[in-house]
Amino acid sequence: MIQCKRAYESPAPDDGQRVLVDRLWPRNCRKEALKLDQWHKELAPSTELRRAFKSGELTFEAFRERYRQELAAHPEYWWPLLGIAERERVTLIYAAQDERQNNAQVLAEWLEEQLDRQGRQSSPTCYAGERLS
């Protein structure tokens, strides 16, 4: 299972592998407090893409599409997380204030899709906000 969590939330025993997926270290966070297993700066959006989204030049949908293009161009960055996600929970740690529209959510979606494409076991699909008939 892959989940996302803000860097400012306390670590939990069921977080599994905690992986920071931001290029920059979260402000006012001590290394010991984050209790990270890994920090993958290369999994974060490019600096140019991050700045364009943060400044409002890009909508979340445009950011999402461009970030997915960056991920598609570099499978060597995210591929190792698939093996971990097969065996245990992976918690993607991010610093953004918006809990729904951030790079970690896009990355989690991307990783889940990759697991599904390969027929690997992943977490159940989240239908939050959708009406089921």
N, C-alpha and C. Protein backbone atom coordinates (compact mmCIF):
# COMPACT_ATOMS: atom_id res chain seq x y z
N MET A 1 0.84 -1.17 0.00
CA MET A 1 0.00 0.00 0.00
C MET A 1 0.89 1.24 0.00
N ILE A 2 0.42 2.25 -0.70
CA ILE A 2 1.15 3.51 -0.79
C ILE A 2 0.26 4.60 -0.22
N GLN A 3 0.81 5.36 0.72
CA GLN A 3 0.05 6.47 1.29
C GLN A 3 0.93 7.70 1.32
N CYS A 4 0.30 8.85 1.52
CA CYS A 4 1.02 10.12 1.59
C CYS A 4 0.79 10.76 2.94
N LYS A 5 1.82 11.48 3.40
CA LYS A 5 1.72 12.11 4.72
C LYS A 5 2.58 13.36 4.73
N ARG A 6 2.06 14.41 5.32
CA ARG A 6 2.83 15.64 5.46
C ARG A 6 4.01 15.42 6.40
N ALA A 7 5.09 16.09 6.11
CA ALA A 7 6.29 15.99 6.93
C ALA A 7 6.04 16.47 8.35
N TYR A 8 5.03 17.31 8.52
CA TYR A 8 4.75 17.90 9.83
C TYR A 8 3.83 17.05 10.68
N GLU A 9 3.39 15.91 10.16
CA GLU A 9 2.59 14.96 10.94
C GLU A 9 3.55 14.00 11.63
N SER A 10 3.16 13.54 12.77
CA SER A 10 4.01 12.61 13.53
C SER A 10 4.10 11.26 12.82
N PRO A 11 5.27 10.65 12.84
CA PRO A 11 5.40 9.29 12.31
C PRO A 11 4.52 8.33 13.10
N ALA A 12 4.04 7.30 12.41
CA ALA A 12 3.20 6.28 13.05
C ALA A 12 3.83 4.91 12.83
N PRO A 13 3.57 3.98 13.72
CA PRO A 13 4.15 2.64 13.57
C PRO A 13 3.75 1.94 12.27
N ASP A 14 2.57 2.27 11.74
CA ASP A 14 2.11 1.59 10.52
C ASP A 14 2.49 2.35 9.25
N ASP A 15 3.42 3.29 9.32
CA ASP A 15 3.85 4.02 8.13
C ASP A 15 4.67 3.16 7.18
N GLY A 16 5.27 2.11 7.66
CA GLY A 16 6.14 1.30 6.80
C GLY A 16 7.39 2.10 6.44
N GLN A 17 7.82 1.98 5.20
CA GLN A 17 8.98 2.74 4.72
C GLN A 17 8.59 4.19 4.52
N ARG A 18 9.26 5.08 5.20
CA ARG A 18 8.98 6.52 5.08
C ARG A 18 9.98 7.13 4.10
N VAL A 19 9.46 7.68 3.00
CA VAL A 19 10.31 8.18 1.93
C VAL A 19 9.97 9.64 1.65
N LEU A 20 10.94 10.52 1.87
CA LEU A 20 10.75 11.93 1.55
C LEU A 20 10.87 12.09 0.03
N VAL A 21 9.86 12.72 -0.58
CA VAL A 21 9.83 12.85 -2.04
C VAL A 21 9.83 14.31 -2.48
N ASP A 22 10.43 15.17 -1.70
CA ASP A 22 10.61 16.58 -2.05
C ASP A 22 12.07 16.83 -2.35
N ARG A 23 12.32 17.76 -3.24
CA ARG A 23 13.69 18.12 -3.59
C ARG A 23 14.35 18.92 -2.46
N LEU A 24 13.52 19.69 -1.74
CA LEU A 24 14.02 20.52 -0.65
C LEU A 24 13.64 19.91 0.69
N TRP A 25 14.49 20.12 1.69
CA TRP A 25 14.20 19.63 3.03
C TRP A 25 13.04 20.46 3.60
N PRO A 26 12.07 19.83 4.26
CA PRO A 26 10.95 20.58 4.84
C PRO A 26 11.43 21.58 5.90
N ARG A 27 10.90 22.78 5.82
CA ARG A 27 11.29 23.83 6.76
C ARG A 27 10.96 23.45 8.20
N ASN A 28 11.87 23.79 9.07
CA ASN A 28 11.70 23.60 10.52
C ASN A 28 11.48 22.15 10.93
N CYS A 29 11.96 21.22 10.13
CA CYS A 29 11.86 19.79 10.48
C CYS A 29 13.26 19.26 10.78
N ARG A 30 13.38 18.67 11.92
CA ARG A 30 14.65 18.05 12.29
C ARG A 30 14.71 16.65 11.70
N LYS A 31 15.88 16.26 11.32
CA LYS A 31 16.10 14.95 10.71
C LYS A 31 15.57 13.83 11.61
N GLU A 32 15.82 13.93 12.89
CA GLU A 32 15.41 12.89 13.83
C GLU A 32 13.88 12.79 13.92
N ALA A 33 13.21 13.91 13.81
CA ALA A 33 11.75 13.94 13.94
C ALA A 33 11.05 13.29 12.75
N LEU A 34 11.65 13.39 11.58
CA LEU A 34 11.02 12.82 10.38
C LEU A 34 11.10 11.30 10.35
N LYS A 35 12.12 10.74 10.95
CA LYS A 35 12.31 9.28 10.97
C LYS A 35 12.18 8.68 9.57
N LEU A 36 12.98 9.19 8.65
CA LEU A 36 12.95 8.74 7.26
C LEU A 36 13.76 7.47 7.07
N ASP A 37 13.29 6.65 6.15
CA ASP A 37 14.08 5.50 5.70
C ASP A 37 14.88 5.87 4.46
N GLN A 38 14.31 6.77 3.66
CA GLN A 38 14.95 7.18 2.41
C GLN A 38 14.56 8.61 2.08
N TRP A 39 15.42 9.26 1.29
CA TRP A 39 15.09 10.58 0.73
C TRP A 39 15.43 10.50 -0.74
N HIS A 40 14.42 10.58 -1.58
CA HIS A 40 14.61 10.50 -3.04
C HIS A 40 14.32 11.85 -3.66
N LYS A 41 15.33 12.72 -3.68
CA LYS A 41 15.19 14.05 -4.28
C LYS A 41 14.82 13.95 -5.75
N GLU A 42 15.36 12.94 -6.42
CA GLU A 42 15.13 12.80 -7.86
C GLU A 42 13.69 12.45 -8.20
N LEU A 43 12.91 11.99 -7.23
CA LEU A 43 11.49 11.69 -7.46
C LEU A 43 10.63 12.95 -7.44
N ALA A 44 11.16 14.03 -6.94
CA ALA A 44 10.42 15.28 -6.88
C ALA A 44 10.31 15.89 -8.27
N PRO A 45 9.32 16.74 -8.48
CA PRO A 45 9.24 17.44 -9.77
C PRO A 45 10.49 18.31 -9.97
N SER A 46 10.80 18.60 -11.21
CA SER A 46 11.94 19.47 -11.49
C SER A 46 11.72 20.82 -10.80
N THR A 47 12.81 21.51 -10.56
CA THR A 47 12.73 22.81 -9.90
C THR A 47 11.84 23.77 -10.70
N GLU A 48 11.98 23.75 -12.02
CA GLU A 48 11.18 24.64 -12.86
C GLU A 48 9.69 24.33 -12.74
N LEU A 49 9.35 23.06 -12.75
CA LEU A 49 7.95 22.65 -12.64
C LEU A 49 7.39 23.00 -11.27
N ARG A 50 8.15 22.74 -10.23
CA ARG A 50 7.71 23.06 -8.87
C ARG A 50 7.45 24.55 -8.72
N ARG A 51 8.37 25.37 -9.23
CA ARG A 51 8.22 26.82 -9.12
C ARG A 51 7.01 27.32 -9.91
N ALA A 52 6.80 26.78 -11.11
CA ALA A 52 5.66 27.20 -11.94
C ALA A 52 4.33 26.88 -11.26
N PHE A 53 4.25 25.73 -10.62
CA PHE A 53 3.02 25.34 -9.93
C PHE A 53 2.81 26.20 -8.68
N LYS A 54 3.87 26.37 -7.91
CA LYS A 54 3.77 27.13 -6.67
C LYS A 54 3.40 28.60 -6.93
N SER A 55 3.89 29.16 -8.03
CA SER A 55 3.60 30.56 -8.34
C SER A 55 2.21 30.76 -8.94
N GLY A 56 1.55 29.67 -9.32
CA GLY A 56 0.23 29.79 -9.90
C GLY A 56 0.23 29.83 -11.42
N GLU A 57 1.41 29.72 -12.04
CA GLU A 57 1.48 29.71 -13.51
C GLU A 57 0.80 28.47 -14.08
N LEU A 58 0.79 27.38 -13.32
CA LEU A 58 0.20 26.13 -13.77
C LEU A 58 -0.95 25.73 -12.86
N THR A 59 -2.01 25.23 -13.45
CA THR A 59 -3.08 24.62 -12.66
C THR A 59 -2.58 23.28 -12.14
N PHE A 60 -3.29 22.70 -11.20
CA PHE A 60 -2.87 21.40 -10.69
C PHE A 60 -2.92 20.37 -11.81
N GLU A 61 -3.92 20.42 -12.66
CA GLU A 61 -4.01 19.44 -13.75
C GLU A 61 -2.82 19.55 -14.70
N ALA A 62 -2.41 20.77 -15.03
CA ALA A 62 -1.24 20.96 -15.90
C ALA A 62 0.03 20.48 -15.20
N PHE A 63 0.15 20.81 -13.92
CA PHE A 63 1.29 20.33 -13.12
C PHE A 63 1.32 18.81 -13.10
N ARG A 64 0.17 18.21 -12.83
CA ARG A 64 0.05 16.75 -12.76
C ARG A 64 0.51 16.11 -14.06
N GLU A 65 0.05 16.64 -15.17
CA GLU A 65 0.41 16.06 -16.48
C GLU A 65 1.90 16.20 -16.75
N ARG A 66 2.46 17.35 -16.48
CA ARG A 66 3.89 17.55 -16.73
C ARG A 66 4.75 16.71 -15.77
N TYR A 67 4.32 16.59 -14.52
CA TYR A 67 5.06 15.76 -13.57
C TYR A 67 5.02 14.30 -13.99
N ARG A 68 3.88 13.84 -14.45
CA ARG A 68 3.77 12.46 -14.94
C ARG A 68 4.69 12.24 -16.14
N GLN A 69 4.87 13.23 -16.99
CA GLN A 69 5.80 13.13 -18.11
C GLN A 69 7.24 13.00 -17.60
N GLU A 70 7.56 13.76 -16.55
CA GLU A 70 8.89 13.65 -15.97
C GLU A 70 9.10 12.26 -15.38
N LEU A 71 8.09 11.73 -14.71
CA LEU A 71 8.21 10.38 -14.13
C LEU A 71 8.38 9.33 -15.23
N ALA A 72 7.61 9.46 -16.30
CA ALA A 72 7.70 8.50 -17.41
C ALA A 72 9.09 8.51 -18.05
N ALA A 73 9.73 9.65 -18.04
CA ALA A 73 11.05 9.78 -18.66
C ALA A 73 12.17 9.18 -17.79
N HIS A 74 11.88 8.93 -16.52
CA HIS A 74 12.93 8.43 -15.62
C HIS A 74 12.43 7.30 -14.72
N PRO A 75 12.15 6.14 -15.31
CA PRO A 75 11.69 5.02 -14.47
C PRO A 75 12.73 4.56 -13.46
N GLU A 76 13.99 4.84 -13.72
CA GLU A 76 15.04 4.42 -12.78
C GLU A 76 14.89 5.10 -11.42
N TYR A 77 14.19 6.22 -11.37
CA TYR A 77 13.99 6.92 -10.11
C TYR A 77 12.90 6.26 -9.25
N TRP A 78 11.80 5.84 -9.88
CA TRP A 78 10.68 5.32 -9.10
C TRP A 78 10.60 3.80 -9.07
N TRP A 79 11.29 3.14 -9.96
CA TRP A 79 11.22 1.67 -10.04
C TRP A 79 11.54 0.99 -8.71
N PRO A 80 12.59 1.41 -7.98
CA PRO A 80 12.90 0.73 -6.71
C PRO A 80 11.76 0.76 -5.70
N LEU A 81 10.93 1.80 -5.73
CA LEU A 81 9.82 1.87 -4.78
C LEU A 81 8.75 0.82 -5.06
N LEU A 82 8.65 0.36 -6.29
CA LEU A 82 7.65 -0.66 -6.60
C LEU A 82 7.93 -1.96 -5.86
N GLY A 83 9.19 -2.35 -5.81
CA GLY A 83 9.55 -3.56 -5.09
C GLY A 83 9.25 -3.46 -3.61
N ILE A 84 9.51 -2.30 -3.06
CA ILE A 84 9.22 -2.08 -1.64
C ILE A 84 7.71 -2.12 -1.41
N ALA A 85 6.95 -1.46 -2.29
CA ALA A 85 5.49 -1.39 -2.14
C ALA A 85 4.84 -2.77 -2.26
N GLU A 86 5.48 -3.69 -2.94
CA GLU A 86 4.97 -5.06 -3.03
C GLU A 86 5.03 -5.76 -1.68
N ARG A 87 6.05 -5.43 -0.91
CA ARG A 87 6.30 -6.14 0.34
C ARG A 87 5.73 -5.46 1.57
N GLU A 88 5.68 -4.12 1.54
CA GLU A 88 5.23 -3.40 2.73
C GLU A 88 4.69 -2.04 2.34
N ARG A 89 4.09 -1.40 3.33
CA ARG A 89 3.53 -0.07 3.11
C ARG A 89 4.65 0.92 2.86
N VAL A 90 4.38 1.85 1.95
CA VAL A 90 5.29 2.95 1.67
C VAL A 90 4.54 4.25 1.95
N THR A 91 5.15 5.10 2.76
CA THR A 91 4.56 6.39 3.05
C THR A 91 5.41 7.47 2.41
N LEU A 92 4.81 8.17 1.45
CA LEU A 92 5.50 9.25 0.76
C LEU A 92 5.35 10.51 1.61
N ILE A 93 6.46 11.06 2.01
CA ILE A 93 6.49 12.23 2.88
C ILE A 93 6.71 13.48 2.03
N TYR A 94 5.89 14.52 2.28
CA TYR A 94 5.98 15.77 1.52
C TYR A 94 5.75 16.94 2.46
N ALA A 95 6.12 18.16 2.03
CA ALA A 95 5.99 19.33 2.87
C ALA A 95 4.86 20.27 2.45
N ALA A 96 4.28 20.08 1.29
CA ALA A 96 3.25 20.99 0.78
C ALA A 96 2.10 21.14 1.77
N GLN A 97 1.50 22.33 1.78
CA GLN A 97 0.36 22.58 2.67
C GLN A 97 -0.90 21.91 2.17
N ASP A 98 -1.08 21.89 0.86
CA ASP A 98 -2.29 21.29 0.27
C ASP A 98 -2.16 19.77 0.30
N GLU A 99 -3.06 19.13 1.01
CA GLU A 99 -2.97 17.68 1.17
C GLU A 99 -3.53 16.91 -0.01
N ARG A 100 -4.22 17.57 -0.93
CA ARG A 100 -4.82 16.88 -2.08
C ARG A 100 -4.08 17.17 -3.38
N GLN A 101 -3.53 18.35 -3.49
CA GLN A 101 -2.90 18.75 -4.74
C GLN A 101 -1.42 19.01 -4.51
N ASN A 102 -0.64 17.93 -4.56
CA ASN A 102 0.80 18.02 -4.35
C ASN A 102 1.50 16.90 -5.11
N ASN A 103 2.80 16.99 -5.17
CA ASN A 103 3.58 16.01 -5.93
C ASN A 103 3.48 14.60 -5.36
N ALA A 104 3.37 14.46 -4.05
CA ALA A 104 3.30 13.12 -3.45
C ALA A 104 2.02 12.40 -3.88
N GLN A 105 0.92 13.11 -3.97
CA GLN A 105 -0.33 12.49 -4.42
C GLN A 105 -0.21 12.01 -5.86
N VAL A 106 0.41 12.83 -6.71
CA VAL A 106 0.61 12.44 -8.11
C VAL A 106 1.54 11.23 -8.19
N LEU A 107 2.60 11.24 -7.41
CA LEU A 107 3.54 10.12 -7.41
C LEU A 107 2.88 8.85 -6.90
N ALA A 108 2.07 8.95 -5.85
CA ALA A 108 1.37 7.77 -5.32
C ALA A 108 0.45 7.19 -6.38
N GLU A 109 -0.28 8.04 -7.06
CA GLU A 109 -1.17 7.60 -8.15
C GLU A 109 -0.37 6.90 -9.24
N TRP A 110 0.75 7.50 -9.61
CA TRP A 110 1.62 6.94 -10.64
C TRP A 110 2.12 5.55 -10.23
N LEU A 111 2.61 5.43 -9.01
CA LEU A 111 3.13 4.15 -8.53
C LEU A 111 2.04 3.08 -8.48
N GLU A 112 0.86 3.45 -8.03
CA GLU A 112 -0.27 2.50 -7.99
C GLU A 112 -0.60 2.02 -9.41
N GLU A 113 -0.60 2.93 -10.36
CA GLU A 113 -0.87 2.54 -11.75
C GLU A 113 0.19 1.59 -12.28
N GLN A 114 1.44 1.85 -11.93
CA GLN A 114 2.52 0.96 -12.38
C GLN A 114 2.38 -0.43 -11.77
N LEU A 115 2.02 -0.49 -10.51
CA LEU A 115 1.80 -1.79 -9.86
C LEU A 115 0.64 -2.52 -10.53
N ASP A 116 -0.43 -1.80 -10.83
CA ASP A 116 -1.59 -2.42 -11.48
C ASP A 116 -1.24 -2.92 -12.88
N ARG A 117 -0.46 -2.14 -13.62
CA ARG A 117 -0.06 -2.55 -14.98
C ARG A 117 0.74 -3.84 -14.97
N GLN A 118 1.52 -4.01 -13.94
CA GLN A 118 2.36 -5.20 -13.84
C GLN A 118 1.66 -6.35 -13.16
N GLY A 119 0.42 -6.12 -12.76
CA GLY A 119 -0.34 -7.17 -12.10
C GLY A 119 0.14 -7.44 -10.69
N ARG A 120 0.85 -6.50 -10.12
CA ARG A 120 1.34 -6.66 -8.75
C ARG A 120 0.26 -6.25 -7.78
N GLN A 121 0.34 -6.78 -6.59
CA GLN A 121 -0.61 -6.44 -5.54
C GLN A 121 -0.35 -5.02 -5.08
N SER A 122 -1.38 -4.22 -5.04
CA SER A 122 -1.26 -2.86 -4.53
C SER A 122 -2.44 -2.59 -3.62
N SER A 123 -2.53 -1.37 -3.17
CA SER A 123 -3.63 -1.01 -2.28
C SER A 123 -4.91 -0.86 -3.08
N PRO A 124 -6.06 -0.97 -2.42
CA PRO A 124 -7.32 -0.82 -3.12
C PRO A 124 -7.48 0.59 -3.66
N THR A 125 -8.22 0.70 -4.74
CA THR A 125 -8.47 2.00 -5.35
C THR A 125 -9.26 2.88 -4.41
N CYS A 126 -8.88 4.13 -4.34
CA CYS A 126 -9.58 5.09 -3.50
C CYS A 126 -10.61 5.83 -4.34
N TYR A 127 -11.84 5.78 -3.92
CA TYR A 127 -12.90 6.47 -4.62
C TYR A 127 -13.37 7.69 -3.83
N ALA A 128 -12.50 8.30 -3.09
CA ALA A 128 -12.86 9.46 -2.27
C ALA A 128 -13.43 10.55 -3.16
N GLY A 129 -14.56 11.05 -2.77
CA GLY A 129 -15.18 12.13 -3.52
C GLY A 129 -15.99 11.70 -4.72
N GLU A 130 -16.01 10.42 -5.02
CA GLU A 130 -16.77 9.92 -6.16
C GLU A 130 -18.02 9.19 -5.66
N ARG A 131 -19.08 9.31 -6.42
CA ARG A 131 -20.32 8.61 -6.07
C ARG A 131 -20.34 7.28 -6.79
N LEU A 132 -20.61 6.25 -6.07
CA LEU A 132 -20.72 4.91 -6.64
C LEU A 132 -22.18 4.59 -6.85
N SER A 133 -22.51 4.04 -8.01
CA SER A 133 -23.89 3.69 -8.31
C SER A 133 -24.21 2.29 -7.84
